[in-house]
Amino acid sequence: EAWTAASADGAIVHHAGGATSVIAVADIPAAFEGHARHNVDNALGAAALAFAMGCDHAAIAAGLGGFGTRDNPGRLERYVVDGVNVLLDFAHNPHGVNALAAAIAHVRGPHRLLVVLGQAGDRTQHDLGELTRATLELAPDRVLVRPMRGYERGRVPGEVEALLQLEFFNRGLPADAFALVDDEIAALDAGMAWARPGDLIAVLVHIQRDEVHRWLDLKVSR
């Protein structure tokens, strides 16, 4: 037997003496209508494991369909604040950023994108360059870089942010499309001041979970 999944127009299918469609990919919130392919793969693994543990197809569909975009903290958490989309994800290397690209493009649609990121101090100059390359491939309209206090790992405060800024400039990001901010909260405040309804703020290398969730709770509950 086997489990397979197609893209947004398909379903997770269990092949065992025939093919049974268990749930449409579009009905799995964490899959972002199939654009978060890594979460489609995760759903496949979860479905196969659940079935092996005795869950039937209905239970598997209910579980996958009920697992929302806020149920896995720091992994493609999605919020809407005053009409502005906010995504939180721990993507901290080029592979992680690339994995988010299709989902970010899907949520963004025709609107603008602001990316917030930082990086730990134990990354090489090449690593920082590759992170900026992957970020620019998202085609952001604005980039905010913030420090990761406690993660300097041998570098002096401000060094990583300066290196990232240099990489962005060298790769063609206009000076007026880039800014330094103090932390993720300052980035969200600055992003909301910049954004229009429909725009997307993507907070990458997201580590200030408690502070950001308190900020979101205040904003979303208004």
Protein backbone atom coordinates (compact mmCIF):
# COMPACT_ATOMS: atom_id res chain seq x y z
CA GLU A 1 0.00 0.00 0.00
CA ALA A 2 1.06 3.62 -0.41
CA TRP A 3 0.03 7.21 0.24
CA THR A 4 0.32 9.93 -2.39
CA ALA A 5 -0.61 13.58 -2.69
CA ALA A 6 -1.12 15.84 -5.68
CA SER A 7 -0.87 19.62 -5.64
CA ALA A 8 -3.61 22.13 -4.87
CA ASP A 9 -6.12 20.55 -7.23
CA GLY A 10 -5.61 17.06 -5.84
CA ALA A 11 -5.95 15.07 -2.66
CA ILE A 12 -4.14 12.82 -0.25
CA VAL A 13 -4.87 9.34 -1.51
CA HIS A 14 -4.46 5.99 0.22
CA HIS A 15 -3.64 3.16 -2.19
CA ALA A 16 -4.54 -0.18 -0.61
CA GLY A 17 -6.43 -2.59 -2.83
CA GLY A 18 -7.70 0.49 -4.66
CA ALA A 19 -7.37 4.25 -4.30
CA THR A 20 -9.23 6.14 -1.58
CA SER A 21 -9.22 9.92 -1.56
CA VAL A 22 -8.88 10.86 2.12
CA ILE A 23 -8.84 14.68 2.05
CA ALA A 24 -8.37 17.38 -0.56
CA VAL A 25 -5.05 19.17 -0.23
CA ALA A 26 -7.00 22.43 -0.41
CA ASP A 27 -8.79 21.42 2.81
CA ILE A 28 -5.55 21.13 4.81
CA PRO A 29 -4.95 24.62 6.25
CA ALA A 30 -1.25 24.08 6.89
CA ALA A 31 -0.72 23.19 3.23
CA PHE A 32 -1.76 26.66 2.03
CA GLU A 33 -3.81 25.11 -0.80
CA GLY A 34 -0.82 22.99 -1.78
CA HIS A 35 1.65 25.87 -2.01
CA ALA A 36 3.44 24.81 1.18
CA ARG A 37 4.68 21.60 -0.38
CA HIS A 38 6.74 20.68 2.68
CA ASN A 39 3.53 20.64 4.73
CA VAL A 40 1.84 18.47 2.11
CA ASP A 41 4.71 16.03 2.61
CA ASN A 42 4.30 16.33 6.39
CA ALA A 43 0.58 15.62 6.03
CA LEU A 44 1.36 12.50 4.02
CA GLY A 45 3.67 11.22 6.72
CA ALA A 46 1.16 12.02 9.44
CA ALA A 47 -1.62 10.26 7.53
CA ALA A 48 0.42 7.11 6.98
CA LEU A 49 1.50 6.99 10.63
CA ALA A 50 -2.02 7.61 11.91
CA PHE A 51 -3.41 4.83 9.74
CA ALA A 52 -0.70 2.45 10.94
CA MET A 53 -1.74 3.29 14.51
CA GLY A 54 -5.35 2.37 13.80
CA CYS A 55 -7.01 5.63 12.75
CA ASP A 56 -9.54 5.39 9.96
CA HIS A 57 -9.76 7.69 6.96
CA ALA A 58 -12.43 9.91 8.52
CA ALA A 59 -10.32 10.49 11.63
CA ILE A 60 -7.26 11.28 9.52
CA ALA A 61 -9.22 13.76 7.42
CA ALA A 62 -10.61 15.43 10.54
CA GLY A 63 -7.15 15.71 12.06
CA LEU A 64 -5.48 17.16 8.98
CA GLY A 65 -8.40 19.46 8.25
CA GLY A 66 -8.48 20.75 11.80
CA PHE A 67 -4.76 21.50 12.09
CA GLY A 68 -4.66 25.21 11.44
CA THR A 69 -1.96 27.68 10.53
CA ARG A 70 -1.59 28.70 14.19
CA ASP A 71 -1.27 25.20 15.61
CA ASN A 72 2.46 24.82 14.91
CA PRO A 73 4.14 27.86 16.53
CA GLY A 74 6.90 29.38 14.45
CA ARG A 75 6.06 27.42 11.32
CA LEU A 76 3.99 29.36 8.79
CA GLU A 77 1.75 30.89 11.42
CA ARG A 78 -0.67 33.21 9.67
CA TYR A 79 -2.51 36.22 11.10
CA VAL A 80 -4.41 39.15 9.65
CA VAL A 81 -3.96 42.52 11.38
CA ASP A 82 -6.07 45.40 10.06
CA GLY A 83 -6.20 43.72 6.67
CA VAL A 84 -2.45 43.09 6.57
CA ASN A 85 -1.21 39.48 6.40
CA VAL A 86 1.47 38.44 8.88
CA LEU A 87 3.42 35.19 8.53
CA LEU A 88 5.80 33.92 11.21
CA ASP A 89 8.37 31.25 10.40
CA PHE A 90 11.68 30.08 11.80
CA ALA A 91 13.19 29.71 8.30
CA HIS A 92 16.81 30.59 9.01
CA ASN A 93 18.78 29.33 6.02
CA PRO A 94 18.41 29.40 2.21
CA HIS A 95 16.72 25.99 2.10
CA GLY A 96 14.11 27.09 4.64
CA VAL A 97 13.43 30.36 2.85
CA ASN A 98 13.15 28.59 -0.51
CA ALA A 99 10.65 26.15 0.98
CA LEU A 100 8.41 29.07 1.92
CA ALA A 101 8.59 30.83 -1.44
CA ALA A 102 5.45 29.39 -3.02
CA ALA A 103 3.36 29.87 0.13
CA ILE A 104 4.57 33.46 0.51
CA ALA A 105 3.75 34.19 -3.13
CA HIS A 106 0.30 32.63 -2.65
CA VAL A 107 -0.54 34.72 0.42
CA ARG A 108 0.98 37.85 -1.07
CA GLY A 109 -0.90 37.68 -4.37
CA PRO A 110 -0.62 41.02 -6.22
CA HIS A 111 0.28 42.95 -3.07
CA ARG A 112 3.54 44.09 -1.53
CA LEU A 113 5.92 42.05 0.60
CA LEU A 114 8.01 43.11 3.59
CA VAL A 115 10.52 40.60 4.94
CA VAL A 116 11.95 40.77 8.47
CA LEU A 117 15.03 38.72 9.30
CA GLY A 118 18.15 38.44 11.41
CA GLN A 119 20.88 35.85 11.79
CA ALA A 120 23.13 34.32 14.40
CA GLY A 121 26.78 35.29 14.56
CA ASP A 122 28.24 31.85 13.83
CA ARG A 123 27.30 32.03 10.15
CA THR A 124 30.06 32.66 7.59
CA GLN A 125 30.02 35.53 5.15
CA HIS A 126 29.05 33.01 2.45
CA ASP A 127 26.13 31.81 4.58
CA LEU A 128 24.90 35.37 5.08
CA GLY A 129 25.20 36.00 1.36
CA GLU A 130 23.16 32.92 0.54
CA LEU A 131 20.47 33.95 3.03
CA THR A 132 20.20 37.38 1.41
CA ARG A 133 20.09 35.78 -2.04
CA ALA A 134 17.22 33.50 -1.04
CA THR A 135 15.42 36.44 0.58
CA LEU A 136 15.74 38.59 -2.53
CA GLU A 137 14.37 35.74 -4.65
CA LEU A 138 11.08 36.32 -2.78
CA ALA A 139 11.02 39.74 -4.51
CA PRO A 140 10.42 41.80 -1.36
CA ASP A 141 9.46 45.44 -1.62
CA ARG A 142 11.12 46.17 1.70
CA VAL A 143 13.52 44.35 4.05
CA LEU A 144 13.98 44.99 7.76
CA VAL A 145 16.98 43.46 9.54
CA ARG A 146 17.05 43.17 13.31
CA PRO A 147 19.66 41.90 15.78
CA MET A 148 19.40 38.51 17.44
CA ARG A 149 20.52 39.35 20.94
CA GLY A 150 22.06 36.41 22.74
CA TYR A 151 23.00 34.78 19.42
CA GLU A 152 26.10 36.89 18.63
CA ARG A 153 28.26 33.77 19.06
CA GLY A 154 31.62 35.50 18.87
CA ARG A 155 30.69 38.55 16.81
CA VAL A 156 30.37 42.03 18.26
CA PRO A 157 26.87 43.53 18.55
CA GLY A 158 25.78 45.01 15.25
CA GLU A 159 28.30 43.10 13.15
CA VAL A 160 25.89 40.61 11.62
CA GLU A 161 23.36 43.31 10.78
CA ALA A 162 26.09 45.34 9.03
CA LEU A 163 27.20 42.30 7.04
CA LEU A 164 23.63 41.53 6.00
CA GLN A 165 23.12 45.14 4.98
CA LEU A 166 26.28 44.98 2.85
CA GLU A 167 25.10 41.76 1.20
CA PHE A 168 21.71 43.25 0.37
CA PHE A 169 23.30 46.38 -1.09
CA ASN A 170 25.79 44.36 -3.12
CA ARG A 171 22.96 42.25 -4.51
CA GLY A 172 21.02 45.28 -5.70
CA LEU A 173 18.49 46.06 -2.99
CA PRO A 174 17.90 49.85 -3.10
CA ALA A 175 19.01 51.75 -0.02
CA ASP A 176 15.51 53.11 0.54
CA ALA A 177 14.08 49.56 0.60
CA PHE A 178 16.19 48.49 3.58
CA ALA A 179 16.24 49.45 7.26
CA LEU A 180 17.63 48.29 10.58
CA VAL A 181 15.21 47.82 13.49
CA ASP A 182 15.75 46.94 17.14
CA ASP A 183 13.78 43.67 17.38
CA GLU A 184 10.77 41.79 16.00
CA ILE A 185 8.27 44.05 17.76
CA ALA A 186 9.88 47.15 16.29
CA ALA A 187 9.83 45.41 12.92
CA LEU A 188 6.12 44.66 13.21
CA ASP A 189 5.36 48.24 14.25
CA ALA A 190 7.39 49.59 11.33
CA GLY A 191 5.85 47.06 8.98
CA MET A 192 2.32 47.98 9.95
CA ALA A 193 3.12 51.67 9.48
CA TRP A 194 4.34 50.84 5.95
CA ALA A 195 1.79 48.23 4.91
CA ARG A 196 -1.53 48.63 3.18
CA PRO A 197 -4.42 46.14 3.39
CA GLY A 198 -3.53 43.02 1.46
CA ASP A 199 0.23 43.42 1.92
CA LEU A 200 2.27 40.70 3.59
CA ILE A 201 4.78 40.98 6.44
CA ALA A 202 6.89 37.82 6.63
CA VAL A 203 8.88 37.55 9.87
CA LEU A 204 11.68 35.04 9.26
CA VAL A 205 14.16 33.54 11.74
CA HIS A 206 11.31 34.17 14.17
CA ILE A 207 12.46 33.63 17.79
CA GLN A 208 10.59 36.21 19.92
CA ARG A 209 7.49 34.08 20.12
CA ASP A 210 6.04 35.25 23.43
CA GLU A 211 6.56 38.94 22.70
CA VAL A 212 5.19 38.67 19.16
CA HIS A 213 2.16 36.66 20.28
CA ARG A 214 1.36 39.27 22.91
CA TRP A 215 1.62 41.95 20.21
CA LEU A 216 -0.64 39.94 17.91
CA ASP A 217 -3.16 39.22 20.65
CA LEU A 218 -3.57 42.94 21.22
CA LYS A 219 -3.85 43.75 17.54
CA VAL A 220 -6.02 40.85 16.37
CA SER A 221 -8.47 41.14 19.27
CA ARG A 222 -9.26 44.78 18.55
